[in-house]
């Protein structure tokens, strides 16, 4: 595997972790939600991090680029919204 595939997979994993943390923070701020209740959905969805990592490694480069760009755009939109 080329080095850039490993870098792209690592970037995708970091972006997915950031999305999960932002989702947790959003759920935690809801009224009446405890920290444990807010942590449950992102904990279940955390399976997406290793799956996204592996997909970027295995898929063709243009699909890997889409898989990296999707979370990057989502993080940028969430950052601009707050």
C-alpha atoms as a PDB file:
ATOM      1  CA  UNK A   1       0.000   0.000   0.000  1.00  0.00           C
ATOM      2  CA  UNK A   2       1.161   3.487  -0.764  1.00  0.00           C
ATOM      3  CA  UNK A   3       1.946   5.865   2.091  1.00  0.00           C
ATOM      4  CA  UNK A   4      -0.764   8.316   1.053  1.00  0.00           C
ATOM      5  CA  UNK A   5      -3.466   5.670   1.567  1.00  0.00           C
ATOM      6  CA  UNK A   6      -2.358   5.256   5.178  1.00  0.00           C
ATOM      7  CA  UNK A   7      -2.355   9.038   5.668  1.00  0.00           C
ATOM      8  CA  UNK A   8      -5.807   9.366   4.103  1.00  0.00           C
ATOM      9  CA  UNK A   9      -7.138   6.543   6.288  1.00  0.00           C
ATOM     10  CA  UNK A  10      -5.716   8.183   9.408  1.00  0.00           C
ATOM     11  CA  UNK A  11      -7.240  11.537   8.440  1.00  0.00           C
ATOM     12  CA  UNK A  12     -10.608   9.867   7.838  1.00  0.00           C
ATOM     13  CA  UNK A  13     -10.444   8.175  11.249  1.00  0.00           C
ATOM     14  CA  UNK A  14      -9.583  11.450  13.002  1.00  0.00           C
ATOM     15  CA  UNK A  15     -12.417  13.267  11.238  1.00  0.00           C
ATOM     16  CA  UNK A  16     -14.880  10.537  12.210  1.00  0.00           C
ATOM     17  CA  UNK A  17     -13.758  10.755  15.842  1.00  0.00           C
ATOM     18  CA  UNK A  18     -14.232  14.537  15.745  1.00  0.00           C
ATOM     19  CA  UNK A  19     -17.744  14.051  14.350  1.00  0.00           C
ATOM     20  CA  UNK A  20     -18.573  11.587  17.121  1.00  0.00           C
ATOM     21  CA  UNK A  21     -17.287  14.006  19.768  1.00  0.00           C
ATOM     22  CA  UNK A  22     -19.305  16.868  18.299  1.00  0.00           C
ATOM     23  CA  UNK A  23     -22.392  14.659  18.265  1.00  0.00           C
ATOM     24  CA  UNK A  24     -21.783  13.718  21.907  1.00  0.00           C
ATOM     25  CA  UNK A  25     -21.421  17.388  22.831  1.00  0.00           C
ATOM     26  CA  UNK A  26     -24.671  18.219  21.053  1.00  0.00           C
ATOM     27  CA  UNK A  27     -26.540  15.436  22.834  1.00  0.00           C
ATOM     28  CA  UNK A  28     -25.029  16.378  26.195  1.00  0.00           C
ATOM     29  CA  UNK A  29     -26.397  19.920  25.921  1.00  0.00           C
ATOM     30  CA  UNK A  30     -30.006  18.755  25.560  1.00  0.00           C
ATOM     31  CA  UNK A  31     -32.191  19.453  28.559  1.00  0.00           C
ATOM     32  CA  UNK A  32     -32.782  16.454  30.748  1.00  0.00           C
ATOM     33  CA  UNK A  33     -30.040  14.357  29.184  1.00  0.00           C
ATOM     34  CA  UNK A  34     -27.380  12.943  31.479  1.00  0.00           C
ATOM     35  CA  UNK A  35     -23.830  12.357  30.340  1.00  0.00           C
ATOM     36  CA  UNK A  36     -24.391   8.603  30.293  1.00  0.00           C
ATOM     37  CA  UNK A  37     -27.516   8.926  28.160  1.00  0.00           C
ATOM     38  CA  UNK A  38     -25.740  11.283  25.751  1.00  0.00           C
ATOM     39  CA  UNK A  39     -22.737   8.953  25.455  1.00  0.00           C
ATOM     40  CA  UNK A  40     -24.734   5.879  24.426  1.00  0.00           C
ATOM     41  CA  UNK A  41     -25.574   6.733  20.751  1.00  0.00           C
ATOM     42  CA  UNK A  42     -22.057   7.948  19.839  1.00  0.00           C
ATOM     43  CA  UNK A  43     -20.554   4.906  21.561  1.00  0.00           C
ATOM     44  CA  UNK A  44     -22.647   2.612  19.389  1.00  0.00           C
ATOM     45  CA  UNK A  45     -21.793   4.622  16.263  1.00  0.00           C
ATOM     46  CA  UNK A  46     -18.073   4.511  17.068  1.00  0.00           C
ATOM     47  CA  UNK A  47     -17.871   1.315  15.004  1.00  0.00           C
ATOM     48  CA  UNK A  48     -17.800   3.666  11.997  1.00  0.00           C
ATOM     49  CA  UNK A  49     -14.220   4.740  12.813  1.00  0.00           C
ATOM     50  CA  UNK A  50     -12.441   1.436  12.073  1.00  0.00           C
ATOM     51  CA  UNK A  51     -14.828   0.696   9.216  1.00  0.00           C
ATOM     52  CA  UNK A  52     -14.075   4.086   7.632  1.00  0.00           C
ATOM     53  CA  UNK A  53     -10.350   3.518   8.139  1.00  0.00           C
ATOM     54  CA  UNK A  54     -10.472   0.172   6.378  1.00  0.00           C
ATOM     55  CA  UNK A  55     -12.694   1.438   3.568  1.00  0.00           C
ATOM     56  CA  UNK A  56     -10.284   4.254   2.734  1.00  0.00           C
ATOM     57  CA  UNK A  57      -7.431   1.730   2.644  1.00  0.00           C
ATOM     58  CA  UNK A  58      -9.219  -0.780   0.411  1.00  0.00           C
ATOM     59  CA  UNK A  59     -11.370   1.273  -1.975  1.00  0.00           C
ATOM     60  CA  UNK A  60     -10.049   3.051  -5.083  1.00  0.00           C
ATOM     61  CA  UNK A  61      -8.434   6.432  -4.505  1.00  0.00           C
ATOM     62  CA  UNK A  62     -11.397   8.486  -5.746  1.00  0.00           C
ATOM     63  CA  UNK A  63     -13.828   6.724  -3.397  1.00  0.00           C
ATOM     64  CA  UNK A  64     -11.343   7.171  -0.569  1.00  0.00           C
ATOM     65  CA  UNK A  65     -11.222  10.867  -1.361  1.00  0.00           C
ATOM     66  CA  UNK A  66     -14.999  11.065  -1.117  1.00  0.00           C
ATOM     67  CA  UNK A  67     -14.901   9.218   2.212  1.00  0.00           C
ATOM     68  CA  UNK A  68     -12.387  11.748   3.548  1.00  0.00           C
ATOM     69  CA  UNK A  69     -14.131  14.788   2.066  1.00  0.00           C
ATOM     70  CA  UNK A  70     -17.563  13.913   3.478  1.00  0.00           C
ATOM     71  CA  UNK A  71     -16.603  14.109   7.165  1.00  0.00           C
ATOM     72  CA  UNK A  72     -14.315  17.083   6.460  1.00  0.00           C
ATOM     73  CA  UNK A  73     -17.209  19.066   5.009  1.00  0.00           C
ATOM     74  CA  UNK A  74     -19.472  18.012   7.894  1.00  0.00           C
ATOM     75  CA  UNK A  75     -16.905  19.157  10.484  1.00  0.00           C
ATOM     76  CA  UNK A  76     -16.460  22.476   8.644  1.00  0.00           C
ATOM     77  CA  UNK A  77     -20.212  23.062   8.489  1.00  0.00           C
ATOM     78  CA  UNK A  78     -20.631  22.243  12.182  1.00  0.00           C
ATOM     79  CA  UNK A  79     -17.733  24.526  13.087  1.00  0.00           C
ATOM     80  CA  UNK A  80     -19.188  27.399  11.080  1.00  0.00           C
ATOM     81  CA  UNK A  81     -22.655  26.845  12.568  1.00  0.00           C
ATOM     82  CA  UNK A  82     -21.433  27.355  16.124  1.00  0.00           C
END
